Protein backbone atom coordinates (compact mmCIF):
# COMPACT_ATOMS: atom_id res chain seq x y z
CA MET A 1 0.00 0.00 0.00
CA LYS A 2 1.41 3.33 -1.06
CA VAL A 3 1.38 5.92 1.73
CA LYS A 4 0.89 9.59 0.96
CA CYS A 5 3.71 12.03 1.61
CA GLN A 6 1.44 14.12 3.88
CA VAL A 7 1.07 11.16 6.23
CA ILE A 8 4.86 10.65 6.29
CA GLU A 9 5.41 14.36 6.97
CA ASP A 10 3.15 14.10 10.02
CA LEU A 11 5.14 11.09 11.25
CA LEU A 12 8.60 12.57 10.68
CA PRO A 13 8.80 14.55 14.01
CA LEU A 14 7.84 11.40 15.92
CA TYR A 15 10.29 9.36 13.86
CA ILE A 16 13.12 11.79 14.59
CA ASP A 17 12.33 11.79 18.34
CA GLU A 18 12.06 7.98 18.24
CA VAL A 19 8.65 7.93 19.89
CA CYS A 20 6.52 6.40 17.13
CA SER A 21 5.43 2.76 17.04
CA ASN A 22 7.34 -0.02 15.31
CA GLU A 23 4.68 -0.21 12.58
CA SER A 24 5.04 3.52 11.91
CA ILE A 25 8.82 3.20 11.71
CA VAL A 26 8.49 0.49 9.05
CA ILE A 27 6.05 2.62 7.05
CA VAL A 28 8.27 5.73 7.21
CA GLU A 29 11.45 3.91 6.27
CA GLU A 30 9.80 2.06 3.34
CA HIS A 31 8.47 5.36 2.05
CA LEU A 32 11.82 7.13 2.42
CA LYS A 33 13.52 4.53 0.25
CA GLU A 34 11.38 5.58 -2.70
CA CYS A 35 10.65 9.28 -1.97
CA ASN A 36 13.44 11.82 -2.31
CA ILE A 37 11.17 14.69 -1.26
CA CYS A 38 10.35 13.17 2.12
CA ARG A 39 13.95 12.13 2.57
CA ASP A 40 15.07 15.73 2.08
CA LYS A 41 12.46 16.93 4.57
CA LEU A 42 13.72 14.37 7.08
CA ASN A 43 17.29 15.60 6.74
CA GLY A 44 16.13 19.23 7.03
CA GLN A 45 14.21 18.56 10.22
CA LYS A 46 17.16 16.68 11.70
CA ASN A 47 19.40 19.68 11.01
CA GLU A 48 16.90 21.98 12.71
CA VAL A 49 16.95 19.75 15.79
CA ILE A 50 20.75 19.81 15.87
CA ILE A 51 20.76 23.60 15.50
CA ASP A 52 18.21 23.97 18.33
CA LYS A 53 20.29 21.77 20.62
CA ASN A 54 23.41 23.74 19.81
CA LEU A 55 21.64 27.01 20.57
CA ILE A 56 20.46 25.69 23.91
CA ASN A 57 23.96 24.55 24.84
CA GLU A 58 25.43 27.89 23.78
CA ASN A 59 22.85 29.75 25.86
CA LEU A 60 23.62 27.62 28.88
CA LYS A 61 27.34 28.21 28.46
CA SER A 62 26.82 31.93 28.02
CA LYS A 63 25.00 32.06 31.38
CA GLU A 64 27.78 30.34 33.30
CA PRO A 65 29.96 33.47 33.65
CA PHE A 66 26.95 35.37 34.97
CA LYS A 67 26.31 32.61 37.50
CA LYS A 68 29.90 32.88 38.64
CA ILE A 69 29.53 36.65 38.92
CA LYS A 70 26.32 36.29 40.92
CA ASN A 71 27.91 33.71 43.22
CA SER A 72 30.92 35.95 43.71
CA GLN A 73 28.68 38.93 44.45
CA ARG A 74 26.67 36.85 46.94
CA VAL A 75 29.84 35.77 48.75
CA ARG A 76 31.07 39.38 48.90
CA LEU A 77 27.72 40.55 50.28
CA GLU A 78 27.76 37.83 52.93
CA LEU A 79 31.30 38.78 53.95
CA LEU A 80 30.32 42.45 54.06
CA GLY A 81 27.33 41.57 56.27
CA LEU A 82 29.55 39.63 58.66
CA LEU A 83 32.02 42.51 58.76
CA ILE A 84 29.27 45.01 59.60
CA ILE A 85 27.89 42.73 62.34
CA SER A 86 31.40 42.30 63.78
CA LEU A 87 31.97 46.07 63.81
CA VAL A 88 28.62 46.65 65.53
CA LEU A 89 29.43 44.02 68.17
CA MET A 90 32.85 45.57 68.73
CA VAL A 91 31.27 48.99 69.26
CA ILE A 92 28.71 47.53 71.67
CA TRP A 93 31.40 45.58 73.49
CA GLY A 94 33.69 48.59 73.76
CA ASN A 95 30.91 50.72 75.28
CA SER A 96 29.44 48.16 77.67
CA THR A 97 30.31 46.42 80.93
CA LEU A 98 29.64 42.94 79.57
CA ILE A 99 32.08 40.21 80.45
CA TRP A 100 32.47 36.71 79.04
CA HIS A 101 30.73 33.88 80.87
CA SER A 102 34.11 32.32 81.64
CA GLY A 103 35.57 35.63 82.80
CA ALA A 104 33.51 36.07 85.99
CA ASN A 105 36.26 34.75 88.27
CA LYS A 106 38.88 37.05 86.73
CA PHE A 107 36.44 39.94 87.06
CA MET A 108 36.07 39.18 90.78
CA GLU A 109 39.83 39.12 91.29
CA LYS A 110 40.09 42.45 89.50
CA PHE A 111 37.22 43.80 91.64
CA ILE A 112 38.91 42.60 94.86
CA GLY A 113 42.35 43.63 93.67
CA GLN A 114 44.11 40.39 94.59
CA PRO A 115 43.87 36.61 94.06
CA SER A 116 40.66 35.27 95.53
CA ASN A 117 38.68 32.15 96.25
CA ILE A 118 35.14 31.68 94.94
CA ILE A 119 33.09 30.57 97.94
CA GLU A 120 29.59 30.49 96.50
CA ASN A 121 28.47 30.63 92.86
CA SER A 122 24.67 30.56 92.71
CA GLN A 123 22.12 30.92 89.95
CA TYR A 124 18.89 32.78 90.58
CA SER A 125 15.87 33.65 88.43
CA TYR A 126 13.69 36.63 89.20
CA LYS A 127 10.90 38.20 87.15
CA GLY A 128 12.03 36.46 83.96
CA LYS A 129 15.68 37.45 84.37
CA LYS A 130 18.58 35.17 85.25
CA TYR A 131 21.31 36.14 87.68
CA ARG A 132 24.64 34.73 88.78
CA ILE A 133 25.58 35.60 92.38
CA ILE A 134 29.19 35.07 93.41
CA LEU A 135 30.57 35.27 96.95
CA SER A 136 34.36 35.59 97.16
CA ALA A 137 37.12 36.19 99.66
CA PRO A 138 40.79 37.06 99.15
CA LYS A 139 43.12 34.11 99.57
CA GLY A 140 44.23 33.89 103.20
CA SER A 141 41.40 36.11 104.47
CA LYS A 142 38.23 34.10 105.07
CA ASP A 143 36.24 36.84 106.76
CA ASN A 144 36.85 39.54 104.12
CA LEU A 145 33.79 38.89 101.96
CA TYR A 146 32.91 40.31 98.54
CA LEU A 147 29.57 39.83 96.82
CA GLN A 148 28.91 40.41 93.13
CA CYS A 149 25.61 39.98 91.31
CA PHE A 150 25.66 39.48 87.53
CA GLN A 151 22.73 39.42 85.14
CA GLU A 152 23.02 36.82 82.39
CA LYS A 153 22.89 38.17 78.83
CA PHE A 154 22.51 36.46 75.45
CA GLY A 155 21.62 33.05 76.85
CA GLY A 156 24.34 33.11 79.49
CA LEU A 157 27.16 33.82 77.04
CA PHE A 158 27.82 37.15 78.76
CA TYR A 159 27.40 38.57 82.24
CA GLU A 160 26.64 42.14 83.17
CA PRO A 161 27.67 43.26 86.66
CA THR A 162 24.62 44.76 88.36
CA TYR A 163 25.51 44.98 92.06
CA ALA A 164 28.60 44.69 94.25
CA ALA A 165 29.19 44.73 98.00
CA SER A 166 32.50 44.71 99.85
CA PRO A 167 33.38 44.74 103.54
CA GLY A 168 33.40 48.01 105.41
CA ASP A 169 35.48 49.16 108.36
CA CYS A 170 33.35 47.21 110.85
CA LYS A 171 34.67 43.81 109.65
CA SER A 172 31.21 42.30 109.85
CA LEU A 173 30.95 38.54 109.37
CA TYR A 174 27.74 38.89 107.40
CA GLY A 175 26.06 41.12 104.87
CA MET A 176 22.53 41.77 103.67
CA THR A 177 21.99 43.56 100.37
CA MET A 178 18.99 44.69 98.34
CA HIS A 179 19.30 44.20 94.60
CA PHE A 180 16.93 46.49 92.70
CA THR A 181 15.77 45.44 89.22
CA ASN A 182 14.48 47.32 86.19
CA GLY A 183 15.24 50.70 87.75
CA SER A 184 12.31 50.39 90.13
CA ASN A 185 11.63 49.50 93.77
CA ASP A 186 11.26 45.87 92.75
CA HIS A 187 14.07 43.94 94.41
CA PHE A 188 15.34 40.75 95.98
CA ILE A 189 17.49 40.47 99.10
CA ILE A 190 20.69 38.50 99.55
CA ALA A 191 21.88 37.41 103.00
CA TYR A 192 25.41 36.03 103.19
CA GLY A 193 28.21 35.57 105.68
CA TYR A 194 31.07 33.67 107.30
CA ASN A 195 30.15 31.36 110.18
CA LYS A 196 33.56 31.60 111.84
CA ASP A 197 34.46 28.47 113.80
CA PHE A 198 30.83 27.36 113.18
CA ILE A 199 29.87 29.51 116.14
CA ALA A 200 26.30 30.12 114.89
CA ASN A 201 23.73 27.37 114.86
CA SER A 202 21.15 29.38 112.90
CA TYR A 203 19.99 32.79 111.83
CA SER A 204 16.46 34.14 111.50
CA VAL A 205 14.86 36.77 109.25
CA ARG A 206 11.32 38.12 109.43
CA ASN A 207 8.73 37.53 106.71
CA ALA A 208 7.45 40.85 105.37
CA ASN A 209 3.95 39.49 104.71
CA ASN A 210 3.03 37.92 108.05
CA ASN A 211 5.87 39.03 110.38
CA ASN A 212 6.73 35.40 111.19
CA TRP A 213 10.40 34.60 111.66
CA VAL A 214 12.07 32.31 109.13
CA THR A 215 14.97 30.31 110.55
CA GLU A 216 17.87 28.95 108.49
CA ASP A 217 20.11 26.19 109.86
CA ILE A 218 23.79 27.05 109.31
CA SER A 219 25.26 24.80 111.99
CA LYS A 220 27.26 22.86 109.39
CA LYS A 221 28.00 25.75 107.05
CA GLU A 222 31.22 27.71 107.22
CA TYR A 223 29.73 30.15 104.70
CA PHE A 224 26.10 30.85 103.89
CA LEU A 225 24.26 32.62 101.09
CA LYS A 226 20.47 32.83 100.78
CA ILE A 227 18.20 34.86 98.50
CA TYR A 228 14.80 36.22 99.58
CA THR A 229 12.00 38.26 98.05
CA ASP A 230 9.72 38.74 101.05
CA ILE A 231 11.69 39.49 104.22
CA VAL A 232 12.10 42.62 106.32
CA TYR A 233 15.39 44.33 105.50
CA PRO A 234 17.82 44.39 107.30
CA GLU A 235 16.53 42.44 110.32
CA ILE A 236 18.54 39.33 111.18
CA ILE A 237 19.24 37.44 114.41
CA PHE A 238 22.06 34.91 114.90
CA LYS A 239 21.85 32.25 117.57
CA GLY A 240 24.51 29.97 119.00
CA LYS A 241 24.36 26.27 119.75
CA ASN A 242 22.69 26.94 123.10
CA GLY A 243 20.02 29.13 121.51
CA ASN A 244 21.56 32.33 122.84
CA ASP A 245 21.60 35.50 120.74
CA ILE A 246 25.11 36.03 119.33
CA SER A 247 24.18 38.63 116.69
CA THR A 248 26.73 41.15 117.99
CA VAL A 249 29.53 38.69 117.11
CA PHE A 250 28.48 38.89 113.46
CA TYR A 251 27.97 42.64 113.44
CA GLY A 252 31.65 43.30 114.06
CA GLN A 253 33.24 46.28 115.77
């Protein structure tokens, strides 16, 4: 059966792309053996396909330098961003009192002015803020107490000193400080001290809400540190092992 050229022309794109059926392939190839016109059209369409593929490849290659330029520009912008952030952090750091998390001990030694021992290192949370409270004493001087309160910043990576207390001329064996927060009257109270020779069995503070006395056992503590939010400042009573009032021993001279 002789097939018309129009039918072959319709099949040629499928034949070139190799997606026509086996029967159609046989028909096309039998026709091409006898028809020069369709054979020329086949060759022409194949050339067009080759040209199209070459154009696509050339376009892709021509875009590669631009991709490299864009990638290079992106890298430069990222580096510039990091540089700006670093400069901002340096400015903030240079104009702040922040210290590294690991630098608290060195800060205390600088604050005291001599090598020191860290006696207590407590964490405390108050009104959504986290604090680090450090009690120190110079080496070789157990009763010379220094207290420093730090507020944690940036997830604990930095500390910001917020309150400090050092011994006065009276050489008191204890201290009681009020730490104010947020620039208001809102505060918590820290009681701390040195129970020299374990002379005190306990100390008591008075609850600000009901006036009841709250007693803390320090009979086995050489040093003590306790944080309160609801006691009467600065009332405190120390008692010895026999229950006698020895507060004047802690007050110093």
